[in-house]
């Protein structure tokens, strides 16, 4: 599956303050979890696009590697936290907790807007803790 490119959330106001970016990387244990996870990742993407305070979102799916990555920008941490607690995100987190081989999250102020996958990749780490996790967009 190709990268779902950056999608701005049109109702968000980026001028109020510096955006908060969250980049995440998920590695699943089993191939049988890949398709259900992809389906649920798309549901969460829809939730992000409808969430107050969301500025934009992108998703990378590498199903043959059992790897997914997300990149999103938010007006503030409270907006992000509200989305994390909302359904279906809350249930999805619980459903895949045991299926994860690894998951990583980084939060930062981006060097530019919209945030880039190159910057996010440099901030994420691979399973051994090495910088430069591989959510490539090419």
N, C-alpha and C. Protein backbone atom coordinates (compact mmCIF):
# COMPACT_ATOMS: atom_id res chain seq x y z
N UNK A 1 0.86 -1.18 0.00
CA UNK A 1 0.00 0.00 0.00
C UNK A 1 0.89 1.23 0.00
N UNK A 2 0.60 2.18 -0.84
CA UNK A 2 1.40 3.40 -0.84
C UNK A 2 1.10 4.24 0.41
N UNK A 3 1.95 5.19 0.63
CA UNK A 3 1.73 6.15 1.71
C UNK A 3 0.48 6.96 1.44
N UNK A 4 -0.33 7.15 2.45
CA UNK A 4 -1.43 8.10 2.35
C UNK A 4 -0.80 9.45 2.67
N UNK A 5 -0.73 10.34 1.70
CA UNK A 5 0.02 11.58 1.89
C UNK A 5 -0.61 12.48 2.94
N UNK A 6 0.14 13.50 3.29
CA UNK A 6 -0.33 14.46 4.27
C UNK A 6 -1.67 15.04 3.82
N UNK A 7 -2.62 15.01 4.73
CA UNK A 7 -3.94 15.58 4.48
C UNK A 7 -4.19 16.64 5.54
N UNK A 8 -4.35 17.88 5.09
CA UNK A 8 -4.70 18.94 6.03
C UNK A 8 -6.14 18.77 6.48
N UNK A 9 -6.39 19.10 7.74
CA UNK A 9 -7.74 19.15 8.26
C UNK A 9 -8.17 20.59 8.13
N UNK A 10 -9.10 20.84 7.25
CA UNK A 10 -9.42 22.21 6.84
C UNK A 10 -10.01 23.08 7.93
N UNK A 11 -10.61 22.48 8.93
CA UNK A 11 -11.26 23.30 9.96
C UNK A 11 -10.28 23.77 11.02
N UNK A 12 -9.05 23.26 11.00
CA UNK A 12 -8.09 23.61 12.05
C UNK A 12 -7.48 24.99 11.82
N UNK A 13 -7.13 25.63 12.91
CA UNK A 13 -6.49 26.94 12.86
C UNK A 13 -5.03 26.79 13.25
N UNK A 14 -4.12 26.84 12.27
CA UNK A 14 -2.69 26.67 12.53
C UNK A 14 -2.04 27.95 13.05
N UNK A 15 -2.70 29.05 12.98
CA UNK A 15 -2.08 30.32 13.34
C UNK A 15 -2.05 30.57 14.84
N UNK A 16 -2.82 29.83 15.61
CA UNK A 16 -2.95 30.10 17.03
C UNK A 16 -1.65 29.85 17.80
N UNK A 17 -0.92 28.82 17.49
CA UNK A 17 0.31 28.49 18.20
C UNK A 17 1.13 27.51 17.36
N UNK A 18 2.32 27.21 17.86
CA UNK A 18 3.17 26.25 17.17
C UNK A 18 2.53 24.86 17.26
N UNK A 19 2.45 24.15 16.15
CA UNK A 19 1.80 22.85 16.20
C UNK A 19 2.61 21.81 16.96
N UNK A 20 1.92 20.84 17.51
CA UNK A 20 2.53 19.67 18.13
C UNK A 20 2.43 18.53 17.13
N UNK A 21 3.54 17.89 16.84
CA UNK A 21 3.54 16.76 15.92
C UNK A 21 3.73 15.48 16.73
N UNK A 22 2.99 14.46 16.34
CA UNK A 22 3.18 13.13 16.89
C UNK A 22 3.52 12.19 15.74
N UNK A 23 4.63 11.48 15.87
CA UNK A 23 4.98 10.44 14.92
C UNK A 23 4.96 9.12 15.69
N UNK A 24 4.44 8.10 15.05
CA UNK A 24 4.37 6.79 15.70
C UNK A 24 4.80 5.70 14.72
N UNK A 25 5.29 4.63 15.29
CA UNK A 25 5.70 3.45 14.51
C UNK A 25 5.20 2.22 15.25
N UNK A 26 4.56 1.31 14.51
CA UNK A 26 4.02 0.09 15.08
C UNK A 26 4.55 -1.12 14.33
N UNK A 27 5.02 -2.10 15.04
CA UNK A 27 5.47 -3.36 14.46
C UNK A 27 4.60 -4.46 15.04
N UNK A 28 3.88 -5.17 14.18
CA UNK A 28 3.01 -6.26 14.63
C UNK A 28 3.80 -7.56 14.75
N UNK A 29 3.36 -8.44 15.64
CA UNK A 29 4.02 -9.74 15.83
C UNK A 29 3.70 -10.72 14.71
N UNK A 30 2.44 -10.71 14.25
CA UNK A 30 1.98 -11.75 13.32
C UNK A 30 1.38 -11.14 12.06
N UNK A 31 1.56 -11.83 10.96
CA UNK A 31 0.98 -11.38 9.69
C UNK A 31 -0.55 -11.40 9.74
N UNK A 32 -1.13 -12.30 10.50
CA UNK A 32 -2.59 -12.37 10.53
C UNK A 32 -3.23 -11.13 11.13
N UNK A 33 -2.45 -10.31 11.83
CA UNK A 33 -2.98 -9.07 12.40
C UNK A 33 -2.88 -7.88 11.45
N UNK A 34 -2.16 -8.05 10.33
CA UNK A 34 -1.89 -6.92 9.44
C UNK A 34 -3.16 -6.33 8.83
N UNK A 35 -3.99 -7.15 8.22
CA UNK A 35 -5.20 -6.61 7.56
C UNK A 35 -6.18 -6.00 8.56
N UNK A 36 -6.45 -6.67 9.69
CA UNK A 36 -7.33 -6.00 10.66
C UNK A 36 -6.74 -4.69 11.18
N UNK A 37 -5.42 -4.67 11.39
CA UNK A 37 -4.79 -3.44 11.87
C UNK A 37 -4.89 -2.33 10.82
N UNK A 38 -4.69 -2.68 9.57
CA UNK A 38 -4.82 -1.69 8.50
C UNK A 38 -6.24 -1.11 8.46
N UNK A 39 -7.22 -1.98 8.56
CA UNK A 39 -8.62 -1.51 8.58
C UNK A 39 -8.85 -0.55 9.75
N UNK A 40 -8.34 -0.93 10.92
CA UNK A 40 -8.53 -0.07 12.09
C UNK A 40 -7.69 1.21 12.00
N UNK A 41 -6.53 1.14 11.38
CA UNK A 41 -5.72 2.35 11.17
C UNK A 41 -6.49 3.36 10.31
N UNK A 42 -7.21 2.86 9.34
CA UNK A 42 -8.01 3.75 8.50
C UNK A 42 -9.17 4.36 9.31
N UNK A 43 -9.72 3.60 10.23
CA UNK A 43 -10.78 4.14 11.09
C UNK A 43 -10.23 5.25 11.99
N UNK A 44 -9.02 5.04 12.52
CA UNK A 44 -8.41 6.07 13.36
C UNK A 44 -8.07 7.30 12.53
N UNK A 45 -7.60 7.09 11.31
CA UNK A 45 -7.31 8.23 10.42
C UNK A 45 -8.56 9.09 10.21
N UNK A 46 -9.70 8.43 10.00
CA UNK A 46 -10.96 9.16 9.86
C UNK A 46 -11.28 9.92 11.13
N UNK A 47 -11.07 9.29 12.28
CA UNK A 47 -11.31 9.97 13.56
C UNK A 47 -10.42 11.21 13.69
N UNK A 48 -9.14 11.07 13.34
CA UNK A 48 -8.23 12.22 13.42
C UNK A 48 -8.75 13.36 12.56
N UNK A 49 -9.15 13.04 11.34
CA UNK A 49 -9.61 14.09 10.42
C UNK A 49 -10.85 14.81 10.93
N UNK A 50 -11.61 14.18 11.81
CA UNK A 50 -12.83 14.78 12.36
C UNK A 50 -12.62 15.39 13.75
N UNK A 51 -11.43 15.25 14.30
CA UNK A 51 -11.19 15.66 15.68
C UNK A 51 -10.88 17.15 15.79
N UNK A 52 -11.51 17.83 16.74
CA UNK A 52 -11.18 19.23 16.98
C UNK A 52 -9.70 19.35 17.36
N UNK A 53 -9.03 20.32 16.77
CA UNK A 53 -7.62 20.55 17.08
C UNK A 53 -6.65 19.81 16.19
N UNK A 54 -7.14 18.88 15.36
CA UNK A 54 -6.26 18.17 14.42
C UNK A 54 -5.91 19.11 13.27
N UNK A 55 -4.64 19.10 12.90
CA UNK A 55 -4.19 19.94 11.79
C UNK A 55 -3.96 19.14 10.52
N UNK A 56 -3.56 17.88 10.67
CA UNK A 56 -3.32 17.04 9.50
C UNK A 56 -2.81 15.67 9.90
N UNK A 57 -2.77 14.76 8.89
CA UNK A 57 -2.41 13.38 9.19
C UNK A 57 -1.85 12.71 7.94
N UNK A 58 -0.96 11.74 8.15
CA UNK A 58 -0.43 10.88 7.08
C UNK A 58 -0.23 9.49 7.66
N UNK A 59 -0.28 8.48 6.80
CA UNK A 59 -0.13 7.09 7.23
C UNK A 59 0.77 6.36 6.25
N UNK A 60 1.69 5.56 6.79
CA UNK A 60 2.52 4.67 5.99
C UNK A 60 2.20 3.25 6.42
N UNK A 61 1.88 2.39 5.46
CA UNK A 61 1.63 0.97 5.74
C UNK A 61 2.64 0.15 4.96
N UNK A 62 3.35 -0.69 5.66
CA UNK A 62 4.31 -1.61 5.04
C UNK A 62 3.90 -3.02 5.48
N UNK A 63 2.82 -3.55 4.88
CA UNK A 63 2.25 -4.81 5.36
C UNK A 63 3.21 -5.99 5.31
N UNK A 64 4.07 -6.08 4.33
CA UNK A 64 4.99 -7.21 4.27
C UNK A 64 6.03 -7.17 5.38
N UNK A 65 6.22 -6.03 5.97
CA UNK A 65 7.12 -5.88 7.12
C UNK A 65 6.35 -5.84 8.43
N UNK A 66 5.01 -5.93 8.35
CA UNK A 66 4.14 -5.84 9.53
C UNK A 66 4.35 -4.51 10.26
N UNK A 67 4.60 -3.45 9.48
CA UNK A 67 4.94 -2.16 10.06
C UNK A 67 4.00 -1.07 9.55
N UNK A 68 3.63 -0.19 10.47
CA UNK A 68 2.79 0.96 10.16
C UNK A 68 3.40 2.17 10.85
N UNK A 69 3.18 3.33 10.27
CA UNK A 69 3.65 4.57 10.89
C UNK A 69 2.62 5.66 10.64
N UNK A 70 2.49 6.55 11.62
CA UNK A 70 1.57 7.67 11.48
C UNK A 70 2.32 8.97 11.76
N UNK A 71 1.82 10.02 11.17
CA UNK A 71 2.35 11.36 11.39
C UNK A 71 1.12 12.27 11.47
N UNK A 72 1.00 12.99 12.57
CA UNK A 72 -0.14 13.89 12.71
C UNK A 72 0.32 15.17 13.40
N UNK A 73 -0.42 16.23 13.16
CA UNK A 73 -0.14 17.51 13.80
C UNK A 73 -1.40 18.00 14.51
N UNK A 74 -1.18 18.66 15.63
CA UNK A 74 -2.27 19.07 16.51
C UNK A 74 -2.08 20.50 16.97
N UNK A 75 -3.17 21.15 17.25
CA UNK A 75 -3.13 22.52 17.77
C UNK A 75 -2.47 22.53 19.15
N UNK A 76 -2.76 21.47 19.97
CA UNK A 76 -2.19 21.39 21.32
C UNK A 76 -2.30 19.95 21.83
N UNK A 77 -1.65 19.69 22.95
CA UNK A 77 -1.63 18.34 23.52
C UNK A 77 -3.02 17.91 23.99
N UNK A 78 -3.80 18.85 24.46
CA UNK A 78 -5.15 18.51 24.92
C UNK A 78 -6.00 17.95 23.79
N UNK A 79 -5.87 18.52 22.60
CA UNK A 79 -6.62 18.02 21.44
C UNK A 79 -6.20 16.60 21.08
N UNK A 80 -4.90 16.36 21.08
CA UNK A 80 -4.39 15.01 20.80
C UNK A 80 -4.89 14.03 21.86
N UNK A 81 -4.77 14.39 23.12
CA UNK A 81 -5.20 13.50 24.20
C UNK A 81 -6.69 13.18 24.12
N UNK A 82 -7.50 14.15 23.73
CA UNK A 82 -8.94 13.92 23.59
C UNK A 82 -9.22 12.89 22.49
N UNK A 83 -8.49 12.98 21.37
CA UNK A 83 -8.68 11.99 20.30
C UNK A 83 -8.26 10.60 20.78
N UNK A 84 -7.17 10.50 21.52
CA UNK A 84 -6.67 9.21 22.00
C UNK A 84 -7.72 8.54 22.89
N UNK A 85 -8.43 9.33 23.68
CA UNK A 85 -9.45 8.77 24.58
C UNK A 85 -10.78 8.48 23.89
N UNK A 86 -10.96 8.99 22.67
CA UNK A 86 -12.24 8.84 21.96
C UNK A 86 -12.34 7.48 21.29
N UNK A 87 -13.56 7.07 21.03
CA UNK A 87 -13.82 5.86 20.24
C UNK A 87 -13.79 6.25 18.77
N UNK A 88 -13.26 5.38 17.92
CA UNK A 88 -12.85 4.01 18.16
C UNK A 88 -11.39 3.86 18.60
N UNK A 89 -10.64 4.95 18.74
CA UNK A 89 -9.22 4.83 19.07
C UNK A 89 -9.00 4.05 20.36
N UNK A 90 -9.76 4.37 21.38
CA UNK A 90 -9.57 3.73 22.68
C UNK A 90 -9.71 2.21 22.60
N UNK A 91 -10.74 1.74 21.95
CA UNK A 91 -10.95 0.29 21.82
C UNK A 91 -9.88 -0.36 20.95
N UNK A 92 -9.48 0.33 19.91
CA UNK A 92 -8.46 -0.20 19.00
C UNK A 92 -7.14 -0.37 19.74
N UNK A 93 -6.77 0.60 20.56
CA UNK A 93 -5.52 0.47 21.34
C UNK A 93 -5.54 -0.79 22.18
N UNK A 94 -6.64 -1.03 22.85
CA UNK A 94 -6.74 -2.21 23.70
C UNK A 94 -6.70 -3.51 22.92
N UNK A 95 -7.34 -3.50 21.76
CA UNK A 95 -7.42 -4.71 20.94
C UNK A 95 -6.05 -5.15 20.43
N UNK A 96 -5.15 -4.23 20.15
CA UNK A 96 -3.86 -4.58 19.55
C UNK A 96 -2.69 -4.57 20.53
N UNK A 97 -2.94 -4.29 21.77
CA UNK A 97 -1.83 -4.23 22.74
C UNK A 97 -1.00 -5.51 22.72
N UNK A 98 -1.62 -6.66 22.76
CA UNK A 98 -0.89 -7.94 22.78
C UNK A 98 -0.31 -8.28 21.41
N UNK A 99 -0.82 -7.68 20.35
CA UNK A 99 -0.35 -8.00 18.99
C UNK A 99 0.91 -7.22 18.62
N UNK A 100 1.29 -6.23 19.42
CA UNK A 100 2.43 -5.39 19.09
C UNK A 100 3.76 -6.04 19.47
N UNK A 101 4.68 -6.08 18.50
CA UNK A 101 6.05 -6.47 18.80
C UNK A 101 6.81 -5.25 19.31
N UNK A 102 6.42 -4.07 18.80
CA UNK A 102 7.09 -2.83 19.18
C UNK A 102 6.18 -1.66 18.81
N UNK A 103 6.22 -0.62 19.61
CA UNK A 103 5.54 0.62 19.25
C UNK A 103 6.34 1.77 19.83
N UNK A 104 6.37 2.86 19.07
CA UNK A 104 7.14 4.03 19.48
C UNK A 104 6.36 5.28 19.14
N UNK A 105 6.53 6.29 19.99
CA UNK A 105 5.84 7.56 19.81
C UNK A 105 6.83 8.68 20.10
N UNK A 106 6.83 9.69 19.27
CA UNK A 106 7.62 10.89 19.54
C UNK A 106 6.72 12.11 19.33
N UNK A 107 6.97 13.13 20.14
CA UNK A 107 6.21 14.37 20.09
C UNK A 107 7.21 15.51 19.94
N UNK A 108 6.93 16.43 19.02
CA UNK A 108 7.89 17.51 18.79
C UNK A 108 7.25 18.67 18.05
N UNK A 109 7.96 19.81 18.08
CA UNK A 109 7.59 20.97 17.27
C UNK A 109 8.32 20.80 15.94
N UNK A 110 7.62 20.79 14.82
CA UNK A 110 8.28 20.51 13.54
C UNK A 110 9.16 21.67 13.08
N UNK A 111 10.20 21.32 12.32
CA UNK A 111 11.07 22.34 11.74
C UNK A 111 10.33 23.12 10.67
N UNK A 112 9.38 22.47 10.01
CA UNK A 112 8.57 23.13 8.98
C UNK A 112 7.17 22.55 9.02
N UNK A 113 6.25 23.26 8.38
CA UNK A 113 4.87 22.77 8.31
C UNK A 113 4.44 22.75 6.84
N UNK A 114 3.84 21.66 6.39
CA UNK A 114 3.51 20.47 7.16
C UNK A 114 4.76 19.68 7.53
N UNK A 115 4.66 18.87 8.57
CA UNK A 115 5.82 18.07 8.98
C UNK A 115 6.18 17.07 7.88
N UNK A 116 7.43 16.66 7.87
CA UNK A 116 7.90 15.73 6.84
C UNK A 116 8.20 14.36 7.44
N UNK A 117 8.09 13.36 6.59
CA UNK A 117 8.45 12.01 7.01
C UNK A 117 9.95 11.91 7.27
N UNK A 118 10.76 12.67 6.56
CA UNK A 118 12.21 12.63 6.81
C UNK A 118 12.51 13.04 8.24
N UNK A 119 11.89 14.12 8.70
CA UNK A 119 12.12 14.55 10.08
C UNK A 119 11.58 13.53 11.07
N UNK A 120 10.38 13.02 10.81
CA UNK A 120 9.78 12.03 11.72
C UNK A 120 10.64 10.78 11.79
N UNK A 121 11.11 10.30 10.65
CA UNK A 121 11.94 9.09 10.60
C UNK A 121 13.21 9.30 11.42
N UNK A 122 13.78 10.49 11.36
CA UNK A 122 14.97 10.78 12.15
C UNK A 122 14.72 10.79 13.64
N UNK A 123 13.49 11.01 14.05
CA UNK A 123 13.14 11.06 15.47
C UNK A 123 12.67 9.71 16.01
N UNK A 124 12.18 8.86 15.13
CA UNK A 124 11.75 7.52 15.55
C UNK A 124 12.96 6.60 15.60
N UNK A 125 12.82 5.51 16.33
CA UNK A 125 13.90 4.53 16.39
C UNK A 125 13.41 3.18 15.90
N UNK A 126 14.34 2.36 15.51
CA UNK A 126 14.04 1.00 15.08
C UNK A 126 13.91 0.11 16.31
N UNK A 127 13.46 -1.15 16.16
CA UNK A 127 13.24 -2.00 17.33
C UNK A 127 14.45 -2.14 18.26
N UNK A 128 15.66 -2.06 17.76
CA UNK A 128 16.83 -2.16 18.63
C UNK A 128 17.20 -0.84 19.28
N UNK A 129 16.38 0.19 19.11
CA UNK A 129 16.66 1.48 19.71
C UNK A 129 17.53 2.37 18.84
N UNK A 130 17.79 1.95 17.63
CA UNK A 130 18.62 2.75 16.72
C UNK A 130 17.79 3.86 16.10
N UNK A 131 18.35 5.05 15.93
CA UNK A 131 17.60 6.13 15.27
C UNK A 131 17.31 5.79 13.82
N UNK A 132 16.27 6.40 13.31
CA UNK A 132 16.00 6.29 11.88
C UNK A 132 15.09 5.15 11.49
N UNK A 133 14.03 4.91 12.28
CA UNK A 133 13.05 3.89 11.89
C UNK A 133 12.64 4.07 10.46
N UNK A 134 12.12 3.07 9.81
CA UNK A 134 11.99 3.03 8.36
C UNK A 134 10.57 3.26 7.84
N UNK A 135 9.82 4.26 8.31
CA UNK A 135 8.53 4.52 7.67
C UNK A 135 8.74 5.34 6.40
N UNK A 136 9.36 4.73 5.40
CA UNK A 136 9.70 5.44 4.17
C UNK A 136 8.45 5.80 3.39
N UNK A 137 8.51 6.89 2.67
CA UNK A 137 7.38 7.32 1.86
C UNK A 137 7.64 7.12 0.39
N UNK A 138 8.73 6.59 0.04
CA UNK A 138 9.07 6.39 -1.38
C UNK A 138 8.91 4.95 -1.76
